[in-house]
Amino acid sequence: MSASIIPLKISQLALLVSHRKHIPVNVALGYIYDTPFYAKLYDEDAKWWYLDTESLYKLLEQSWLSSGSVITNNVVVFLTFCMENYAKKYNMTSLEAYALFRHYHVDVYLVNGFDMLHTQGKDAILQDIEIFIKNRKNQEK
């Protein structure tokens, strides 16, 4: 039952997030999918799909606040630097690099290692990212 309702709930929630945060709907979808909140929608015990859109919005905001997902401007600049340079090196779009970073959790690795990594040169950082992705790919096998 929940699997058929959840897409409707997410679309309604994305429209509300878009309106409240003054962001495009596609960005609002990323805002929803990028938190532990999303998994809770499918939790049969929680039954969050019964909640109205406003209640879901409040839970989403609480999820963002409690996840520690807020990062500083310096870290955002560093992540962008890494993604843009990785994309350029491998002749891919920035969006493709972003998707790759998200899939292999390179973004989390870079945020957690920011204090050390941002002091390295571009080539050393890209080499570190390459090794990280290679290790993640090997773990998938």
N, C-alpha and C. Protein backbone atom coordinates (compact mmCIF):
# COMPACT_ATOMS: atom_id res chain seq x y z
N MET A 1 0.82 -1.21 0.00
CA MET A 1 0.00 0.00 0.00
C MET A 1 0.86 1.26 0.00
N SER A 2 1.87 1.32 0.85
CA SER A 2 2.68 2.52 0.97
C SER A 2 3.42 2.85 -0.32
N ALA A 3 3.84 1.83 -1.08
CA ALA A 3 4.62 2.06 -2.30
C ALA A 3 3.83 2.85 -3.34
N SER A 4 2.53 2.73 -3.34
CA SER A 4 1.73 3.47 -4.31
C SER A 4 1.42 4.89 -3.84
N ILE A 5 1.46 5.12 -2.56
CA ILE A 5 1.15 6.44 -2.00
C ILE A 5 2.39 7.33 -1.93
N ILE A 6 3.54 6.74 -1.69
CA ILE A 6 4.76 7.51 -1.45
C ILE A 6 5.12 8.45 -2.60
N PRO A 7 5.07 8.03 -3.86
CA PRO A 7 5.39 8.99 -4.93
C PRO A 7 4.49 10.24 -4.90
N LEU A 8 3.22 10.05 -4.59
CA LEU A 8 2.31 11.18 -4.49
C LEU A 8 2.71 12.08 -3.32
N LYS A 9 3.03 11.48 -2.18
CA LYS A 9 3.44 12.26 -1.01
C LYS A 9 4.72 13.04 -1.29
N ILE A 10 5.68 12.39 -1.94
CA ILE A 10 6.95 13.05 -2.24
C ILE A 10 6.73 14.21 -3.21
N SER A 11 5.89 14.02 -4.21
CA SER A 11 5.64 15.11 -5.16
C SER A 11 4.97 16.30 -4.48
N GLN A 12 4.00 16.02 -3.61
CA GLN A 12 3.35 17.11 -2.86
C GLN A 12 4.35 17.82 -1.95
N LEU A 13 5.18 17.03 -1.30
CA LEU A 13 6.19 17.59 -0.40
C LEU A 13 7.21 18.42 -1.18
N ALA A 14 7.62 17.94 -2.35
CA ALA A 14 8.59 18.68 -3.18
C ALA A 14 8.02 20.04 -3.59
N LEU A 15 6.74 20.07 -3.91
CA LEU A 15 6.11 21.34 -4.26
C LEU A 15 6.10 22.30 -3.06
N LEU A 16 5.83 21.76 -1.88
CA LEU A 16 5.83 22.60 -0.68
C LEU A 16 7.24 23.10 -0.36
N VAL A 17 8.22 22.22 -0.42
CA VAL A 17 9.61 22.61 -0.16
C VAL A 17 10.03 23.68 -1.18
N SER A 18 9.70 23.47 -2.44
CA SER A 18 10.03 24.44 -3.49
C SER A 18 9.44 25.81 -3.16
N HIS A 19 8.20 25.82 -2.77
CA HIS A 19 7.52 27.07 -2.44
C HIS A 19 8.12 27.74 -1.20
N ARG A 20 8.32 26.98 -0.14
CA ARG A 20 8.81 27.54 1.13
C ARG A 20 10.26 28.00 1.05
N LYS A 21 11.07 27.30 0.30
CA LYS A 21 12.50 27.61 0.24
C LYS A 21 12.87 28.42 -1.00
N HIS A 22 11.86 28.68 -1.84
CA HIS A 22 12.08 29.46 -3.07
C HIS A 22 13.18 28.82 -3.93
N ILE A 23 13.02 27.52 -4.15
CA ILE A 23 13.96 26.77 -4.97
C ILE A 23 13.18 25.99 -6.03
N PRO A 24 13.84 25.62 -7.13
CA PRO A 24 13.14 24.82 -8.15
C PRO A 24 12.72 23.46 -7.59
N VAL A 25 11.70 22.88 -8.17
CA VAL A 25 11.17 21.60 -7.69
C VAL A 25 12.22 20.50 -7.78
N ASN A 26 13.04 20.50 -8.86
CA ASN A 26 14.05 19.45 -8.96
C ASN A 26 15.09 19.55 -7.84
N VAL A 27 15.38 20.76 -7.40
CA VAL A 27 16.30 20.94 -6.27
C VAL A 27 15.60 20.48 -4.98
N ALA A 28 14.32 20.77 -4.87
CA ALA A 28 13.55 20.33 -3.71
C ALA A 28 13.52 18.80 -3.62
N LEU A 29 13.44 18.13 -4.75
CA LEU A 29 13.49 16.66 -4.74
C LEU A 29 14.82 16.16 -4.19
N GLY A 30 15.90 16.79 -4.61
CA GLY A 30 17.21 16.44 -4.07
C GLY A 30 17.28 16.68 -2.58
N TYR A 31 16.66 17.76 -2.14
CA TYR A 31 16.62 18.10 -0.72
C TYR A 31 15.91 16.99 0.07
N ILE A 32 14.88 16.41 -0.52
CA ILE A 32 14.13 15.33 0.14
C ILE A 32 14.92 14.03 0.11
N TYR A 33 15.43 13.68 -1.07
CA TYR A 33 16.10 12.39 -1.24
C TYR A 33 17.46 12.33 -0.53
N ASP A 34 18.00 13.46 -0.15
CA ASP A 34 19.35 13.51 0.41
C ASP A 34 19.38 13.43 1.93
N THR A 35 18.32 12.94 2.55
CA THR A 35 18.28 12.83 4.01
C THR A 35 17.79 11.45 4.43
N PRO A 36 18.04 11.07 5.67
CA PRO A 36 17.48 9.81 6.19
C PRO A 36 15.96 9.83 6.21
N PHE A 37 15.39 11.01 6.13
CA PHE A 37 13.93 11.18 6.11
C PHE A 37 13.29 10.31 5.04
N TYR A 38 13.89 10.28 3.87
CA TYR A 38 13.32 9.56 2.73
C TYR A 38 13.09 8.08 3.06
N ALA A 39 14.06 7.44 3.69
CA ALA A 39 13.92 6.02 4.02
C ALA A 39 12.77 5.79 5.00
N LYS A 40 12.53 6.74 5.86
CA LYS A 40 11.45 6.59 6.83
C LYS A 40 10.08 6.53 6.17
N LEU A 41 9.96 7.11 5.00
CA LEU A 41 8.68 7.04 4.29
C LEU A 41 8.31 5.61 3.94
N TYR A 42 9.31 4.78 3.75
CA TYR A 42 9.05 3.38 3.41
C TYR A 42 9.04 2.46 4.63
N ASP A 43 9.26 3.01 5.80
CA ASP A 43 9.26 2.22 7.03
C ASP A 43 7.82 1.83 7.36
N GLU A 44 7.55 0.54 7.28
CA GLU A 44 6.18 0.05 7.52
C GLU A 44 5.71 0.34 8.94
N ASP A 45 6.62 0.37 9.90
CA ASP A 45 6.24 0.63 11.29
C ASP A 45 5.94 2.10 11.54
N ALA A 46 6.68 2.98 10.89
CA ALA A 46 6.49 4.42 11.10
C ALA A 46 5.19 4.92 10.46
N LYS A 47 4.83 4.35 9.33
CA LYS A 47 3.61 4.72 8.60
C LYS A 47 3.52 6.23 8.32
N TRP A 48 4.65 6.82 7.94
CA TRP A 48 4.68 8.25 7.65
C TRP A 48 3.83 8.63 6.45
N TRP A 49 3.51 7.67 5.58
CA TRP A 49 2.71 8.01 4.41
C TRP A 49 1.31 8.45 4.78
N TYR A 50 0.90 8.22 6.04
CA TYR A 50 -0.41 8.67 6.50
C TYR A 50 -0.41 10.16 6.85
N LEU A 51 0.76 10.73 7.04
CA LEU A 51 0.85 12.11 7.48
C LEU A 51 0.52 13.09 6.36
N ASP A 52 0.01 14.25 6.74
CA ASP A 52 -0.27 15.29 5.76
C ASP A 52 1.05 15.96 5.34
N THR A 53 1.01 16.71 4.29
CA THR A 53 2.22 17.32 3.71
C THR A 53 2.91 18.26 4.69
N GLU A 54 2.15 19.02 5.43
CA GLU A 54 2.75 19.95 6.40
C GLU A 54 3.52 19.19 7.48
N SER A 55 2.97 18.10 7.98
CA SER A 55 3.65 17.29 9.00
C SER A 55 4.91 16.67 8.43
N LEU A 56 4.84 16.21 7.19
CA LEU A 56 6.02 15.64 6.54
C LEU A 56 7.11 16.70 6.36
N TYR A 57 6.70 17.92 6.03
CA TYR A 57 7.64 19.02 5.88
C TYR A 57 8.38 19.28 7.19
N LYS A 58 7.65 19.30 8.29
CA LYS A 58 8.27 19.52 9.60
C LYS A 58 9.25 18.39 9.93
N LEU A 59 8.89 17.17 9.63
CA LEU A 59 9.79 16.03 9.88
C LEU A 59 11.03 16.11 8.99
N LEU A 60 10.84 16.55 7.75
CA LEU A 60 11.97 16.72 6.84
C LEU A 60 12.95 17.76 7.39
N GLU A 61 12.43 18.88 7.83
CA GLU A 61 13.28 19.93 8.39
C GLU A 61 14.03 19.43 9.63
N GLN A 62 13.34 18.70 10.49
CA GLN A 62 14.00 18.12 11.67
C GLN A 62 15.09 17.15 11.26
N SER A 63 14.84 16.39 10.22
CA SER A 63 15.83 15.43 9.71
C SER A 63 17.08 16.15 9.24
N TRP A 64 16.89 17.26 8.53
CA TRP A 64 18.04 18.04 8.06
C TRP A 64 18.82 18.61 9.23
N LEU A 65 18.12 19.15 10.20
CA LEU A 65 18.80 19.75 11.35
C LEU A 65 19.56 18.72 12.17
N SER A 66 18.99 17.54 12.34
CA SER A 66 19.62 16.53 13.17
C SER A 66 20.69 15.73 12.44
N SER A 67 20.71 15.81 11.11
CA SER A 67 21.68 15.01 10.34
C SER A 67 23.06 15.63 10.33
N GLY A 68 23.18 16.87 10.73
CA GLY A 68 24.48 17.53 10.68
C GLY A 68 24.90 17.79 9.24
N SER A 69 23.96 17.83 8.32
CA SER A 69 24.27 17.99 6.91
C SER A 69 24.65 19.41 6.52
N VAL A 70 24.53 20.33 7.46
CA VAL A 70 24.89 21.70 7.16
C VAL A 70 26.41 21.80 7.12
N ILE A 71 26.93 22.28 6.02
CA ILE A 71 28.37 22.40 5.88
C ILE A 71 28.74 23.86 5.61
N THR A 72 29.96 24.21 5.90
CA THR A 72 30.41 25.59 5.76
C THR A 72 30.63 25.95 4.30
N ASN A 73 30.72 27.24 4.04
CA ASN A 73 30.97 27.72 2.69
C ASN A 73 32.31 27.20 2.16
N ASN A 74 33.33 27.15 3.03
CA ASN A 74 34.64 26.66 2.59
C ASN A 74 34.56 25.22 2.11
N VAL A 75 33.77 24.40 2.78
CA VAL A 75 33.63 23.01 2.39
C VAL A 75 32.87 22.91 1.06
N VAL A 76 31.86 23.74 0.87
CA VAL A 76 31.12 23.75 -0.39
C VAL A 76 32.06 24.14 -1.53
N VAL A 77 32.88 25.14 -1.30
CA VAL A 77 33.84 25.57 -2.32
C VAL A 77 34.80 24.42 -2.64
N PHE A 78 35.27 23.73 -1.61
CA PHE A 78 36.19 22.61 -1.80
C PHE A 78 35.52 21.48 -2.59
N LEU A 79 34.30 21.11 -2.22
CA LEU A 79 33.57 20.06 -2.95
C LEU A 79 33.38 20.43 -4.41
N THR A 80 33.02 21.67 -4.64
CA THR A 80 32.81 22.13 -6.01
C THR A 80 34.13 22.09 -6.78
N PHE A 81 35.19 22.54 -6.16
CA PHE A 81 36.52 22.49 -6.77
C PHE A 81 36.86 21.06 -7.17
N CYS A 82 36.64 20.11 -6.27
CA CYS A 82 36.95 18.71 -6.54
C CYS A 82 36.11 18.15 -7.68
N MET A 83 34.80 18.41 -7.64
CA MET A 83 33.92 17.89 -8.68
C MET A 83 34.24 18.49 -10.05
N GLU A 84 34.44 19.79 -10.09
CA GLU A 84 34.72 20.46 -11.36
C GLU A 84 36.03 19.96 -11.96
N ASN A 85 37.07 19.83 -11.13
CA ASN A 85 38.36 19.37 -11.64
C ASN A 85 38.33 17.90 -12.01
N TYR A 86 37.58 17.11 -11.28
CA TYR A 86 37.43 15.69 -11.62
C TYR A 86 36.70 15.56 -12.96
N ALA A 87 35.64 16.32 -13.13
CA ALA A 87 34.88 16.30 -14.38
C ALA A 87 35.76 16.70 -15.55
N LYS A 88 36.54 17.74 -15.36
CA LYS A 88 37.42 18.21 -16.43
C LYS A 88 38.46 17.15 -16.78
N LYS A 89 39.06 16.54 -15.77
CA LYS A 89 40.10 15.54 -16.00
C LYS A 89 39.56 14.33 -16.76
N TYR A 90 38.34 13.91 -16.46
CA TYR A 90 37.76 12.72 -17.07
C TYR A 90 36.76 13.04 -18.18
N ASN A 91 36.77 14.28 -18.64
CA ASN A 91 35.94 14.69 -19.77
C ASN A 91 34.48 14.32 -19.57
N MET A 92 33.95 14.69 -18.43
CA MET A 92 32.54 14.44 -18.13
C MET A 92 31.90 15.76 -17.70
N THR A 93 30.60 15.77 -17.64
CA THR A 93 29.91 16.97 -17.17
C THR A 93 30.04 17.04 -15.65
N SER A 94 29.83 18.22 -15.13
CA SER A 94 29.85 18.39 -13.68
C SER A 94 28.73 17.58 -13.03
N LEU A 95 27.60 17.49 -13.70
CA LEU A 95 26.48 16.71 -13.17
C LEU A 95 26.84 15.22 -13.10
N GLU A 96 27.56 14.72 -14.10
CA GLU A 96 28.02 13.33 -14.07
C GLU A 96 29.00 13.11 -12.93
N ALA A 97 29.89 14.06 -12.73
CA ALA A 97 30.85 13.95 -11.61
C ALA A 97 30.11 13.98 -10.28
N TYR A 98 29.12 14.85 -10.17
CA TYR A 98 28.31 14.93 -8.95
C TYR A 98 27.63 13.58 -8.68
N ALA A 99 27.02 13.00 -9.70
CA ALA A 99 26.34 11.71 -9.54
C ALA A 99 27.33 10.62 -9.12
N LEU A 100 28.51 10.63 -9.71
CA LEU A 100 29.54 9.66 -9.36
C LEU A 100 29.98 9.85 -7.90
N PHE A 101 30.20 11.09 -7.51
CA PHE A 101 30.61 11.39 -6.14
C PHE A 101 29.54 10.93 -5.15
N ARG A 102 28.28 11.16 -5.49
CA ARG A 102 27.18 10.75 -4.59
C ARG A 102 27.09 9.22 -4.53
N HIS A 103 27.21 8.56 -5.67
CA HIS A 103 27.09 7.10 -5.72
C HIS A 103 28.15 6.41 -4.87
N TYR A 104 29.37 6.89 -4.97
CA TYR A 104 30.47 6.26 -4.23
C TYR A 104 30.77 6.96 -2.90
N HIS A 105 29.95 7.91 -2.53
CA HIS A 105 30.09 8.63 -1.25
C HIS A 105 31.41 9.40 -1.16
N VAL A 106 31.89 9.85 -2.30
CA VAL A 106 33.10 10.67 -2.33
C VAL A 106 32.83 11.99 -1.62
N ASP A 107 31.63 12.51 -1.78
CA ASP A 107 31.29 13.77 -1.13
C ASP A 107 31.41 13.68 0.39
N VAL A 108 30.94 12.59 0.95
CA VAL A 108 31.04 12.38 2.40
C VAL A 108 32.51 12.27 2.81
N TYR A 109 33.27 11.53 2.03
CA TYR A 109 34.71 11.37 2.28
C TYR A 109 35.41 12.74 2.27
N LEU A 110 35.09 13.57 1.29
CA LEU A 110 35.72 14.88 1.18
C LEU A 110 35.32 15.81 2.32
N VAL A 111 34.05 15.76 2.71
CA VAL A 111 33.60 16.59 3.83
C VAL A 111 34.29 16.15 5.12
N ASN A 112 34.29 14.84 5.36
CA ASN A 112 34.91 14.33 6.59
C ASN A 112 36.42 14.57 6.62
N GLY A 113 37.06 14.55 5.46
CA GLY A 113 38.50 14.74 5.40
C GLY A 113 38.93 16.14 5.00
N PHE A 114 37.99 17.08 5.02
CA PHE A 114 38.26 18.44 4.56
C PHE A 114 39.49 19.05 5.21
N ASP A 115 39.60 18.96 6.52
CA ASP A 115 40.70 19.63 7.22
C ASP A 115 42.07 19.24 6.67
N MET A 116 42.23 17.97 6.32
CA MET A 116 43.50 17.52 5.79
C MET A 116 43.57 17.69 4.27
N LEU A 117 42.52 17.30 3.58
CA LEU A 117 42.55 17.25 2.13
C LEU A 117 42.67 18.62 1.46
N HIS A 118 42.02 19.61 2.03
CA HIS A 118 42.02 20.91 1.34
C HIS A 118 43.39 21.58 1.33
N THR A 119 44.32 21.06 2.10
CA THR A 119 45.67 21.63 2.12
C THR A 119 46.56 21.01 1.03
N GLN A 120 46.05 19.99 0.36
CA GLN A 120 46.82 19.29 -0.68
C GLN A 120 46.66 20.00 -2.02
N GLY A 121 47.53 19.72 -2.92
CA GLY A 121 47.44 20.27 -4.26
C GLY A 121 46.36 19.55 -5.06
N LYS A 122 45.98 20.16 -6.16
CA LYS A 122 44.91 19.62 -7.01
C LYS A 122 45.22 18.19 -7.46
N ASP A 123 46.42 17.94 -7.94
CA ASP A 123 46.77 16.61 -8.44
C ASP A 123 46.70 15.56 -7.33
N ALA A 124 47.16 15.91 -6.15
CA ALA A 124 47.12 14.97 -5.02
C ALA A 124 45.68 14.67 -4.61
N ILE A 125 44.83 15.69 -4.62
CA ILE A 125 43.42 15.50 -4.26
C ILE A 125 42.74 14.60 -5.28
N LEU A 126 42.95 14.88 -6.56
CA LEU A 126 42.33 14.06 -7.61
C LEU A 126 42.82 12.62 -7.55
N GLN A 127 44.09 12.42 -7.27
CA GLN A 127 44.62 11.07 -7.14
C GLN A 127 43.97 10.36 -5.95
N ASP A 128 43.79 11.08 -4.87
CA ASP A 128 43.14 10.51 -3.69
C ASP A 128 41.69 10.11 -4.00
N ILE A 129 41.00 10.95 -4.74
CA ILE A 129 39.61 10.66 -5.14
C ILE A 129 39.58 9.42 -6.04
N GLU A 130 40.50 9.35 -6.98
CA GLU A 130 40.57 8.19 -7.88
C GLU A 130 40.76 6.90 -7.10
N ILE A 131 41.66 6.91 -6.13
CA ILE A 131 41.91 5.73 -5.30
C ILE A 131 40.66 5.38 -4.49
N PHE A 132 40.02 6.39 -3.94
CA PHE A 132 38.81 6.18 -3.15
C PHE A 132 37.72 5.51 -4.00
N ILE A 133 37.49 6.04 -5.21
CA ILE A 133 36.46 5.48 -6.09
C ILE A 133 36.83 4.05 -6.50
N LYS A 134 38.09 3.83 -6.82
CA LYS A 134 38.55 2.49 -7.20
C LYS A 134 38.27 1.49 -6.07
N ASN A 135 38.58 1.89 -4.85
CA ASN A 135 38.31 1.02 -3.69
C ASN A 135 36.82 0.75 -3.51
N ARG A 136 36.00 1.77 -3.71
CA ARG A 136 34.55 1.59 -3.60
C ARG A 136 34.01 0.67 -4.69
N LYS A 137 34.53 0.80 -5.88
CA LYS A 137 34.12 -0.07 -6.99
C LYS A 137 34.48 -1.53 -6.67
N ASN A 138 35.67 -1.73 -6.12
CA ASN A 138 36.11 -3.08 -5.75
C ASN A 138 35.22 -3.66 -4.65
N GLN A 139 34.72 -2.84 -3.75
CA GLN A 139 33.85 -3.30 -2.69
C GLN A 139 32.48 -3.72 -3.24
N GLU A 140 32.07 -3.13 -4.34
CA GLU A 140 30.78 -3.47 -4.95
C GLU A 140 30.78 -4.86 -5.58
N LYS A 141 31.96 -5.32 -5.96
CA LYS A 141 32.05 -6.62 -6.66
C LYS A 141 31.78 -7.78 -5.75
